[in-house]
Amino acid sequence: MGTAEHLRQRSTEYAVKEAMRILGDRPEKQLTRLMDLAEHIATAEDHKQVIANVRKYVEPGEDGELSAPVRTLLRGLRQTAPDCRARLFTNALVNGTWRGRTKRDAALRDQGFLPPSIMLLSPTMRCNLHCTGCYAADYTKNDDLPYEVMDRVLSEANGLGISNIILLGGEPFVRPDVLDLMAQHDDMAFMAFSNGTLLTEPLAHRLAELGNISVSVSIDGLKEAHDARRGDGVFDRAIEGLRNLKAAGVPFGFSSMITSANCEDMIADEFIDMLVDEGCLWGWHFLYMPVGEDADPSLMPTPEQRELLRQHGAQWIRMNKEVFIIDFWNDAPYVGGCIAGGRHYFHINANGDMEPCIFAHFATDNIKDVPLAQALNSPLFQDIRSRQPYSDNLLRPCMIIDNTDVLRDVVASQGAYPTHPQAARLLGEFASALDDYAESYRRIADVAWEDIGRRSSHAPANVADTSRARA
């Protein structure tokens, strides 16, 4: 890094820190300053346009009221410790988006592919719980991804412009050295998905000191439903973990697995209001997928339930409640369909296998043996990216449950190996059931997609074109 660039980075970091300090005091009065700062830092014209669009939404409506997403943002600014606000904003947006864009463009120019902006990393598959239907079972410490491999991969990722890292498992916090890893890479933004039971008061304060991490805690319903899947007393321990994070000023949200048995409960006011009251700023909705131990396709939300989630789930919640919900499937139109295979994200499992998706347990490369750039531009990942989106209907984004021929074709044509003992069931034992599911959902989703086209000022094709814009 040259002297001028170094000075620019330091001045930017100082400006961000000061802005975050100011925003913590009556943030509703300071949002304009945040927009001004973002516009000052942004260099790319498309980023400036995004900021201009966001600015429109932070202004009060005709009734003088702020929108629910803006109220969520304000609550997050008040709730998060100043150092965490500054560090995460710098790492996720300044380093990850603006500086990361320059590095990703350089990789496209020099290496012939555009790296994604997000990397999923599982340091371990070990977990202190044994939840029904979870694929993180029967692993030992010997199965962990070595620290030196993770350290190298993160350095390589940063060099490619990937500085937003999601930590999965297993339970990532069963490894104490994960904290050392985040400290070592303090210019990257981490989000850990945790069951919440290890989020003690001392750990929460340590995370606040690091400042470059947020946490998503798995909550699969109210107390009875949650404990039925995860074990007696786990709900109370998870809620205690949320409260410890809130007290320490660490930003956090929740993550929920949506099944055919709990779908309606997961979008009910009682459940969402409880999580807002506990301080959750965001939530993730993941459909149950028939992968891992004891997989059962009947637990997948039905096609009708997926449509219910589209109409009354994440989008309705984030516009009416003070929490920002992301639906990993129904929000696909905003990102142009499937984001796997290194288009926007990929997963490195605890064995080092480069998986195209957290749910697609197949690989052709292992990060222990090849550089990250080579693995990201592997024939497997190239094949997946060349097929995206798999359908003109972006409500049907998935190569596992919506476009079932895609996963089978790429695995066969690229000679991908299963990375989990049960992975091949998707291609064989469950194939017929998944085909039937895909066809049933297609009939519903095609009607919904046509309706979106009629009601929107932009036709569905334009939605796809817009959402393909690079991060």
Protein backbone atom coordinates (compact mmCIF):
# COMPACT_ATOMS: atom_id res chain seq x y z
CA MET A 1 0.00 0.00 0.00
CA GLY A 2 1.43 3.38 -0.99
CA THR A 3 1.82 6.32 1.37
CA ALA A 4 -1.09 8.25 -0.14
CA GLU A 5 -3.40 5.22 0.04
CA HIS A 6 -2.32 4.53 3.62
CA LEU A 7 -3.10 8.11 4.64
CA ARG A 8 -6.46 7.95 2.90
CA GLN A 9 -7.27 4.72 4.75
CA ARG A 10 -6.32 6.18 8.14
CA SER A 11 -8.30 9.36 7.54
CA THR A 12 -11.30 7.35 6.39
CA GLU A 13 -11.14 5.12 9.47
CA TYR A 14 -10.93 8.20 11.71
CA ALA A 15 -13.90 9.82 9.95
CA VAL A 16 -15.95 6.65 10.32
CA LYS A 17 -15.09 6.33 14.01
CA GLU A 18 -16.11 9.92 14.66
CA ALA A 19 -19.31 9.51 12.67
CA MET A 20 -20.26 6.38 14.59
CA ARG A 21 -19.57 8.15 17.88
CA ILE A 22 -21.82 11.03 16.88
CA LEU A 23 -24.53 8.71 15.58
CA GLY A 24 -24.74 6.99 18.93
CA ASP A 25 -26.10 10.22 20.41
CA ARG A 26 -29.62 10.88 19.12
CA PRO A 27 -28.99 8.96 15.88
CA GLU A 28 -32.37 9.95 14.43
CA LYS A 29 -30.95 13.47 14.11
CA GLN A 30 -27.70 12.31 12.52
CA LEU A 31 -28.75 10.04 9.65
CA THR A 32 -28.01 12.76 7.10
CA ARG A 33 -24.42 12.84 8.34
CA LEU A 34 -24.17 9.10 7.81
CA MET A 35 -25.39 9.47 4.24
CA ASP A 36 -22.94 12.33 3.66
CA LEU A 37 -20.08 10.20 4.96
CA ALA A 38 -21.07 7.24 2.80
CA GLU A 39 -21.20 9.45 -0.30
CA HIS A 40 -17.80 10.91 0.55
CA ILE A 41 -16.21 7.46 0.89
CA ALA A 42 -17.87 5.92 -2.17
CA THR A 43 -15.88 6.03 -5.39
CA ALA A 44 -17.91 3.92 -7.84
CA GLU A 45 -20.89 5.58 -9.51
CA ASP A 46 -23.20 2.60 -8.87
CA HIS A 47 -22.36 2.75 -5.17
CA LYS A 48 -23.15 6.48 -5.12
CA GLN A 49 -26.50 5.71 -6.77
CA VAL A 50 -27.30 3.08 -4.13
CA ILE A 51 -26.53 5.61 -1.39
CA ALA A 52 -28.74 8.18 -3.08
CA ASN A 53 -31.59 5.67 -3.18
CA VAL A 54 -31.08 4.80 0.49
CA ARG A 55 -31.14 8.49 1.39
CA LYS A 56 -34.72 8.69 0.11
CA TYR A 57 -35.81 6.01 2.55
CA VAL A 58 -34.28 7.54 5.66
CA GLU A 59 -36.43 10.62 5.36
CA PRO A 60 -39.76 10.70 7.25
CA GLY A 61 -42.94 9.91 5.33
CA GLU A 62 -45.82 12.29 4.74
CA ASP A 63 -47.11 11.45 8.21
CA GLY A 64 -43.77 12.42 9.72
CA GLU A 65 -43.03 8.84 10.74
CA LEU A 66 -39.86 6.95 9.91
CA SER A 67 -40.16 3.60 8.17
CA ALA A 68 -39.70 0.36 10.11
CA PRO A 69 -36.30 -0.40 8.47
CA VAL A 70 -35.01 3.03 9.47
CA ARG A 71 -36.29 2.59 13.02
CA THR A 72 -34.46 -0.75 13.09
CA LEU A 73 -31.27 0.97 11.96
CA LEU A 74 -31.64 3.65 14.61
CA ARG A 75 -32.22 1.05 17.31
CA GLY A 76 -29.10 -0.75 16.14
CA LEU A 77 -27.03 2.42 16.34
CA ARG A 78 -28.23 3.12 19.87
CA GLN A 79 -27.84 -0.48 21.00
CA THR A 80 -24.35 -1.16 19.61
CA ALA A 81 -21.19 -0.14 21.43
CA PRO A 82 -19.36 2.78 19.72
CA ASP A 83 -16.21 0.79 18.91
CA CYS A 84 -18.30 -2.01 17.40
CA ARG A 85 -20.24 0.47 15.28
CA ALA A 86 -17.06 2.03 13.96
CA ARG A 87 -15.16 -1.20 13.35
CA LEU A 88 -18.00 -3.06 11.66
CA PHE A 89 -18.95 -0.11 9.47
CA THR A 90 -15.31 0.33 8.41
CA ASN A 91 -14.70 -3.37 7.78
CA ALA A 92 -18.00 -4.29 6.13
CA LEU A 93 -18.61 -1.20 4.01
CA VAL A 94 -15.31 0.63 3.59
CA ASN A 95 -13.02 -2.41 3.36
CA GLY A 96 -15.58 -4.93 2.11
CA THR A 97 -17.55 -2.87 -0.36
CA TRP A 98 -15.51 0.08 -1.61
CA ARG A 99 -11.92 -1.13 -1.22
CA GLY A 100 -13.04 -4.68 -1.84
CA ARG A 101 -14.57 -3.59 -5.14
CA THR A 102 -11.16 -2.34 -6.33
CA LYS A 103 -9.50 -5.63 -5.42
CA ARG A 104 -12.25 -7.71 -7.02
CA ASP A 105 -12.02 -5.67 -10.21
CA ALA A 106 -8.26 -6.28 -10.22
CA ALA A 107 -8.84 -10.02 -9.91
CA LEU A 108 -11.27 -9.89 -12.82
CA ARG A 109 -8.70 -8.06 -14.90
CA ASP A 110 -5.68 -10.14 -13.90
CA GLN A 111 -7.13 -13.60 -13.21
CA GLY A 112 -10.22 -13.68 -15.36
CA PHE A 113 -12.94 -14.00 -12.72
CA LEU A 114 -14.80 -11.70 -10.35
CA PRO A 115 -14.45 -12.90 -6.72
CA PRO A 116 -17.53 -12.89 -4.50
CA SER A 117 -17.94 -10.45 -1.63
CA ILE A 118 -18.77 -13.04 1.06
CA MET A 119 -17.05 -16.20 2.27
CA LEU A 120 -18.65 -18.81 4.54
CA LEU A 121 -16.17 -20.66 6.72
CA SER A 122 -16.78 -23.54 9.13
CA PRO A 123 -13.84 -23.76 11.56
CA THR A 124 -15.35 -26.89 13.12
CA MET A 125 -18.25 -29.26 12.79
CA ARG A 126 -18.23 -29.94 16.53
CA CYS A 127 -21.16 -28.74 18.58
CA ASN A 128 -22.18 -28.85 22.23
CA LEU A 129 -25.76 -29.71 21.21
CA HIS A 130 -27.34 -32.58 19.27
CA CYS A 131 -30.28 -31.04 17.44
CA THR A 132 -32.79 -33.05 15.44
CA GLY A 133 -31.99 -33.01 11.74
CA CYS A 134 -28.63 -31.25 12.09
CA TYR A 135 -25.69 -32.45 10.00
CA ALA A 136 -23.15 -31.36 12.64
CA ALA A 137 -23.05 -34.70 14.42
CA ASP A 138 -20.34 -37.12 15.58
CA TYR A 139 -17.37 -34.86 14.80
CA THR A 140 -14.23 -34.56 16.95
CA LYS A 141 -11.47 -32.01 17.42
CA ASN A 142 -9.41 -33.92 14.87
CA ASP A 143 -11.96 -32.90 12.24
CA ASP A 144 -11.39 -29.15 12.81
CA LEU A 145 -9.90 -27.00 10.07
CA PRO A 146 -6.32 -26.17 11.16
CA TYR A 147 -5.77 -22.62 12.37
CA GLU A 148 -2.89 -22.00 9.98
CA VAL A 149 -5.08 -22.97 7.02
CA MET A 150 -7.83 -20.57 8.10
CA ASP A 151 -5.27 -17.81 8.65
CA ARG A 152 -3.86 -18.29 5.15
CA VAL A 153 -7.28 -18.48 3.51
CA LEU A 154 -8.45 -15.28 5.20
CA SER A 155 -5.33 -13.46 4.02
CA GLU A 156 -5.88 -14.72 0.48
CA ALA A 157 -9.57 -13.75 0.67
CA ASN A 158 -8.71 -10.24 1.80
CA GLY A 159 -6.29 -9.91 -1.09
CA LEU A 160 -9.10 -10.80 -3.48
CA GLY A 161 -11.46 -8.23 -1.95
CA ILE A 162 -13.43 -10.67 0.22
CA SER A 163 -13.58 -9.23 3.72
CA ASN A 164 -17.09 -10.20 4.87
CA ILE A 165 -16.77 -13.59 6.56
CA ILE A 166 -19.57 -15.74 7.97
CA LEU A 167 -18.51 -18.31 10.56
CA LEU A 168 -20.57 -21.49 10.71
CA GLY A 169 -20.29 -24.98 12.11
CA GLY A 170 -21.02 -26.88 14.18
CA GLU A 171 -20.80 -24.27 16.86
CA PRO A 172 -17.93 -21.88 16.03
CA PHE A 173 -17.42 -20.83 19.65
CA VAL A 174 -16.40 -24.33 20.76
CA ARG A 175 -13.03 -23.26 19.33
CA PRO A 176 -11.45 -20.57 21.53
CA ASP A 177 -8.87 -19.80 18.83
CA VAL A 178 -11.64 -18.41 16.63
CA LEU A 179 -11.30 -15.26 18.74
CA ASP A 180 -7.58 -15.15 17.93
CA LEU A 181 -8.41 -15.52 14.25
CA MET A 182 -10.73 -12.52 14.31
CA ALA A 183 -8.16 -10.49 16.21
CA GLN A 184 -5.49 -11.44 13.68
CA HIS A 185 -7.73 -10.25 10.83
CA ASP A 186 -9.14 -7.15 12.47
CA ASP A 187 -9.77 -5.39 9.14
CA MET A 188 -12.39 -8.01 8.17
CA ALA A 189 -16.05 -8.17 9.26
CA PHE A 190 -17.23 -11.46 10.78
CA MET A 191 -20.71 -12.78 11.50
CA ALA A 192 -20.93 -15.94 13.59
CA PHE A 193 -23.96 -18.24 13.51
CA SER A 194 -24.26 -19.69 17.01
CA ASN A 195 -26.69 -21.72 19.07
CA GLY A 196 -26.24 -19.07 21.77
CA THR A 197 -25.52 -21.39 24.67
CA LEU A 198 -21.82 -20.47 24.88
CA LEU A 199 -22.40 -16.71 24.72
CA THR A 200 -21.52 -16.08 28.34
CA GLU A 201 -21.04 -12.61 29.77
CA PRO A 202 -17.20 -12.82 29.54
CA LEU A 203 -17.35 -14.01 25.92
CA ALA A 204 -19.80 -11.26 24.99
CA HIS A 205 -17.45 -8.63 26.44
CA ARG A 206 -14.52 -10.17 24.55
CA LEU A 207 -16.50 -9.95 21.31
CA ALA A 208 -17.26 -6.30 22.06
CA GLU A 209 -13.55 -5.66 22.57
CA LEU A 210 -12.76 -7.22 19.20
CA GLY A 211 -15.42 -5.03 17.61
CA ASN A 212 -15.38 -6.74 14.22
CA ILE A 213 -18.06 -9.37 14.80
CA SER A 214 -21.83 -9.66 14.89
CA VAL A 215 -23.74 -12.77 15.93
CA SER A 216 -26.82 -14.57 14.62
CA VAL A 217 -28.33 -16.88 17.24
CA SER A 218 -30.44 -19.87 16.20
CA ILE A 219 -33.98 -19.54 17.55
CA ASP A 220 -36.44 -22.07 16.09
CA GLY A 221 -39.60 -20.99 17.86
CA LEU A 222 -40.87 -20.18 21.32
CA LYS A 223 -39.56 -22.13 24.29
CA GLU A 224 -41.48 -25.40 23.84
CA ALA A 225 -40.82 -25.70 20.11
CA HIS A 226 -37.17 -24.67 20.37
CA ASP A 227 -36.39 -27.11 23.17
CA ALA A 228 -38.24 -29.93 21.39
CA ARG A 229 -35.61 -29.79 18.64
CA ARG A 230 -32.52 -28.64 20.53
CA GLY A 231 -32.95 -30.03 24.05
CA ASP A 232 -34.45 -29.05 27.40
CA GLY A 233 -33.30 -25.68 28.67
CA VAL A 234 -31.58 -24.63 25.43
CA PHE A 235 -34.11 -21.85 24.72
CA ASP A 236 -33.43 -20.14 28.05
CA ARG A 237 -29.68 -20.40 27.52
CA ALA A 238 -29.97 -18.95 24.02
CA ILE A 239 -32.06 -16.01 25.30
CA GLU A 240 -29.47 -15.44 28.03
CA GLY A 241 -26.86 -15.32 25.27
CA LEU A 242 -28.86 -12.63 23.45
CA ARG A 243 -29.08 -10.59 26.62
CA ASN A 244 -25.35 -10.89 27.25
CA LEU A 245 -24.63 -9.63 23.73
CA LYS A 246 -27.04 -6.72 24.18
CA ALA A 247 -25.50 -5.74 27.49
CA ALA A 248 -22.01 -5.78 25.95
CA GLY A 249 -23.10 -3.78 22.89
CA VAL A 250 -22.44 -6.50 20.31
CA PRO A 251 -24.88 -6.31 17.37
CA PHE A 252 -26.94 -9.47 16.97
CA GLY A 253 -29.91 -11.07 15.29
CA PHE A 254 -31.50 -14.49 14.99
CA SER A 255 -31.57 -17.36 12.54
CA SER A 256 -34.53 -19.71 12.10
CA MET A 257 -34.95 -22.97 10.23
CA ILE A 258 -38.39 -22.98 8.61
CA THR A 259 -40.02 -26.41 8.39
CA SER A 260 -43.39 -27.74 7.35
CA ALA A 261 -44.19 -28.11 11.07
CA ASN A 262 -43.27 -24.61 12.28
CA CYS A 263 -43.73 -22.34 9.25
CA GLU A 264 -46.76 -20.41 10.47
CA ASP A 265 -45.34 -20.07 13.99
CA MET A 266 -42.07 -18.53 12.72
CA ILE A 267 -43.85 -15.53 11.18
CA ALA A 268 -46.39 -15.04 13.96
CA ASP A 269 -46.46 -11.72 15.80
CA GLU A 270 -45.80 -13.38 19.15
CA PHE A 271 -42.54 -14.90 17.96
CA ILE A 272 -41.25 -11.86 16.05
CA ASP A 273 -42.23 -9.40 18.78
CA MET A 274 -40.42 -11.52 21.38
CA LEU A 275 -37.19 -11.37 19.36
CA VAL A 276 -37.52 -7.62 18.79
CA ASP A 277 -38.07 -7.10 22.51
CA GLU A 278 -34.90 -9.08 23.22
CA GLY A 279 -32.96 -6.73 20.95
CA CYS A 280 -32.57 -8.66 17.68
CA LEU A 281 -31.77 -6.33 14.80
CA TRP A 282 -32.08 -8.86 11.97
CA GLY A 283 -33.22 -12.39 11.27
CA TRP A 284 -32.47 -15.11 8.72
CA HIS A 285 -35.13 -17.46 7.36
CA PHE A 286 -33.66 -20.70 6.02
CA LEU A 287 -35.87 -23.39 4.55
CA TYR A 288 -35.27 -26.85 5.92
CA MET A 289 -33.22 -28.75 3.34
CA PRO A 290 -33.03 -32.56 3.21
CA VAL A 291 -29.28 -32.72 3.84
CA GLY A 292 -27.21 -34.16 6.66
CA GLU A 293 -28.06 -36.65 9.35
CA ASP A 294 -31.60 -38.10 9.41
CA ALA A 295 -32.71 -35.89 6.50
CA ASP A 296 -36.45 -35.99 5.88
CA PRO A 297 -37.95 -34.32 2.77
CA SER A 298 -41.36 -34.16 4.47
CA LEU A 299 -39.95 -31.49 6.79
CA MET A 300 -39.43 -29.10 3.89
CA PRO A 301 -41.97 -26.25 3.88
CA THR A 302 -44.65 -27.14 1.37
CA PRO A 303 -44.93 -25.13 -1.86
CA GLU A 304 -47.98 -23.43 -0.37
CA GLN A 305 -46.02 -22.52 2.76
CA ARG A 306 -43.22 -21.03 0.66
CA GLU A 307 -45.79 -18.79 -0.98
CA LEU A 308 -47.14 -17.88 2.47
CA LEU A 309 -43.61 -16.90 3.48
CA ARG A 310 -43.27 -14.77 0.36
CA GLN A 311 -46.51 -12.91 1.00
CA HIS A 312 -46.53 -12.65 4.78
CA GLY A 313 -42.99 -13.50 5.85
CA ALA A 314 -39.74 -11.58 5.59
CA GLN A 315 -40.86 -8.73 3.35
CA TRP A 316 -43.99 -7.97 5.38
CA ILE A 317 -42.10 -8.28 8.67
CA ARG A 318 -39.25 -5.96 7.76
CA MET A 319 -41.68 -3.30 6.57
CA ASN A 320 -43.85 -3.50 9.69
CA LYS A 321 -41.58 -4.62 12.55
CA GLU A 322 -38.33 -3.21 13.88
CA VAL A 323 -36.25 -6.13 12.63
CA PHE A 324 -34.75 -6.78 9.19
CA ILE A 325 -35.57 -10.31 8.02
CA ILE A 326 -33.70 -11.97 5.13
CA ASP A 327 -35.40 -14.89 3.40
CA PHE A 328 -32.64 -16.92 1.72
CA TRP A 329 -35.01 -18.13 -1.02
CA ASN A 330 -37.84 -15.61 -1.45
CA ASP A 331 -35.42 -12.68 -1.52
CA ALA A 332 -33.57 -14.19 -4.50
CA PRO A 333 -35.05 -11.63 -6.97
CA TYR A 334 -33.07 -8.90 -5.20
CA VAL A 335 -29.77 -10.65 -6.02
CA GLY A 336 -30.58 -12.13 -9.41
CA GLY A 337 -31.27 -15.70 -8.29
CA CYS A 338 -28.80 -18.24 -6.91
CA ILE A 339 -25.64 -16.68 -5.45
CA ALA A 340 -23.70 -19.95 -5.00
CA GLY A 341 -20.55 -21.17 -6.73
CA GLY A 342 -18.62 -18.01 -5.90
CA ARG A 343 -21.05 -15.67 -7.66
CA HIS A 344 -21.67 -13.87 -4.38
CA TYR A 345 -20.71 -16.53 -1.85
CA PHE A 346 -19.28 -20.02 -1.25
CA HIS A 347 -18.50 -22.28 1.70
CA ILE A 348 -15.32 -23.85 3.03
CA ASN A 349 -16.23 -26.71 5.34
CA ALA A 350 -14.25 -27.89 8.34
CA ASN A 351 -12.40 -30.40 6.18
CA GLY A 352 -11.32 -27.65 3.80
CA ASP A 353 -13.64 -28.69 0.95
CA MET A 354 -14.74 -25.81 -1.31
CA GLU A 355 -18.52 -26.20 -1.49
CA PRO A 356 -20.59 -24.02 -3.85
CA CYS A 357 -23.32 -23.60 -1.24
CA ILE A 358 -23.80 -24.35 2.44
CA PHE A 359 -26.50 -26.87 1.46
CA ALA A 360 -24.74 -28.39 -1.59
CA HIS A 361 -22.23 -30.77 -0.06
CA PHE A 362 -20.12 -31.47 -3.13
CA ALA A 363 -16.65 -30.28 -4.13
CA THR A 364 -13.75 -30.77 -6.52
CA ASP A 365 -11.12 -28.83 -4.57
CA ASN A 366 -9.80 -28.66 -1.04
CA ILE A 367 -8.36 -25.43 0.27
CA LYS A 368 -5.56 -27.34 1.99
CA ASP A 369 -4.20 -28.24 -1.44
CA VAL A 370 -4.91 -25.24 -3.69
CA PRO A 371 -4.89 -21.43 -3.42
CA LEU A 372 -8.25 -19.77 -2.85
CA ALA A 373 -8.22 -17.98 -6.22
CA GLN A 374 -7.69 -21.26 -8.06
CA ALA A 375 -10.51 -22.96 -6.15
CA LEU A 376 -12.90 -20.06 -6.78
CA ASN A 377 -12.28 -20.33 -10.51
CA SER A 378 -12.49 -24.12 -10.64
CA PRO A 379 -14.43 -25.78 -13.49
CA LEU A 380 -17.14 -26.70 -10.95
CA PHE A 381 -17.67 -23.11 -9.83
CA GLN A 382 -17.40 -21.81 -13.39
CA ASP A 383 -20.04 -24.31 -14.53
CA ILE A 384 -22.45 -23.23 -11.80
CA ARG A 385 -21.94 -19.53 -12.49
CA SER A 386 -22.43 -20.02 -16.22
CA ARG A 387 -25.91 -21.43 -15.59
CA GLN A 388 -27.12 -18.67 -13.26
CA PRO A 389 -29.90 -17.77 -13.02
CA TYR A 390 -31.23 -21.25 -13.63
CA SER A 391 -34.70 -19.99 -14.48
CA ASP A 392 -36.31 -16.81 -15.78
CA ASN A 393 -38.43 -16.98 -12.63
CA LEU A 394 -36.19 -15.70 -9.82
CA LEU A 395 -38.64 -16.99 -7.23
CA ARG A 396 -37.27 -20.41 -8.22
CA PRO A 397 -33.56 -19.79 -7.58
CA CYS A 398 -32.28 -23.03 -6.09
CA MET A 399 -30.36 -25.78 -7.89
CA ILE A 400 -31.28 -28.26 -5.16
CA ILE A 401 -35.05 -27.91 -4.78
CA ASP A 402 -36.24 -25.72 -7.69
CA ASN A 403 -34.07 -26.62 -10.68
CA THR A 404 -33.10 -30.11 -9.65
CA ASP A 405 -31.34 -31.04 -12.89
CA VAL A 406 -28.67 -28.37 -12.34
CA LEU A 407 -27.03 -29.90 -9.28
CA ARG A 408 -27.12 -33.38 -10.81
CA ASP A 409 -25.62 -32.14 -14.07
CA VAL A 410 -22.76 -30.16 -12.55
CA VAL A 411 -21.85 -32.87 -10.05
CA ALA A 412 -21.75 -35.50 -12.81
CA SER A 413 -20.04 -33.40 -15.47
CA GLN A 414 -17.37 -32.03 -13.11
CA GLY A 415 -16.78 -35.24 -11.16
CA ALA A 416 -17.55 -33.59 -7.83
CA TYR A 417 -17.24 -35.74 -4.72
CA PRO A 418 -19.69 -35.71 -1.78
CA THR A 419 -18.32 -33.87 1.24
CA HIS A 420 -20.74 -35.45 3.69
CA PRO A 421 -21.67 -39.15 3.96
CA GLN A 422 -25.35 -38.39 3.29
CA ALA A 423 -24.89 -35.85 0.48
CA ALA A 424 -25.49 -38.30 -2.37
CA ARG A 425 -29.06 -38.88 -1.17
CA LEU A 426 -29.99 -35.61 -2.93
CA LEU A 427 -29.00 -37.17 -6.25
CA GLY A 428 -30.47 -40.61 -5.70
CA GLU A 429 -32.82 -41.55 -2.88
CA PHE A 430 -34.48 -38.12 -2.68
CA ALA A 431 -34.37 -37.29 -6.41
CA SER A 432 -37.96 -38.24 -7.23
CA ALA A 433 -39.41 -36.43 -4.22
CA LEU A 434 -37.40 -33.30 -5.04
CA ASP A 435 -38.57 -33.39 -8.68
CA ASP A 436 -42.18 -33.59 -7.54
CA TYR A 437 -41.61 -30.76 -5.08
CA ALA A 438 -39.98 -28.57 -7.74
CA GLU A 439 -42.88 -29.08 -10.15
CA SER A 440 -45.49 -28.35 -7.49
CA TYR A 441 -43.75 -25.16 -6.46
CA ARG A 442 -43.18 -24.13 -10.10
CA ARG A 443 -46.93 -23.95 -10.70
CA ILE A 444 -47.35 -21.62 -7.71
CA ALA A 445 -44.22 -19.56 -8.30
CA ASP A 446 -44.91 -18.95 -11.99
CA VAL A 447 -48.27 -17.40 -11.16
CA ALA A 448 -46.66 -15.28 -8.43
CA TRP A 449 -43.86 -14.14 -10.77
CA GLU A 450 -46.32 -13.09 -13.45
CA ASP A 451 -48.28 -11.18 -10.82
CA ILE A 452 -45.11 -9.39 -9.70
CA GLY A 453 -44.48 -8.39 -13.30
CA ARG A 454 -47.99 -6.97 -13.66
CA ARG A 455 -47.89 -5.00 -10.42
CA SER A 456 -44.33 -3.74 -10.61
CA SER A 457 -43.17 -0.78 -12.62
CA HIS A 458 -40.32 -3.07 -13.70
CA ALA A 459 -40.93 -6.35 -15.49
CA PRO A 460 -39.39 -9.49 -13.97
CA ALA A 461 -36.58 -9.49 -16.55
CA ASN A 462 -35.58 -6.00 -15.45
CA VAL A 463 -35.52 -7.15 -11.83
CA ALA A 464 -33.02 -9.80 -12.83
CA ASP A 465 -30.90 -7.35 -14.80
CA THR A 466 -30.82 -4.82 -11.98
CA SER A 467 -29.99 -7.34 -9.29
CA ARG A 468 -27.03 -8.66 -11.26
CA ALA A 469 -25.16 -5.41 -10.62
CA ARG A 470 -21.85 -6.09 -8.97
CA ALA A 471 -21.41 -5.50 -5.25
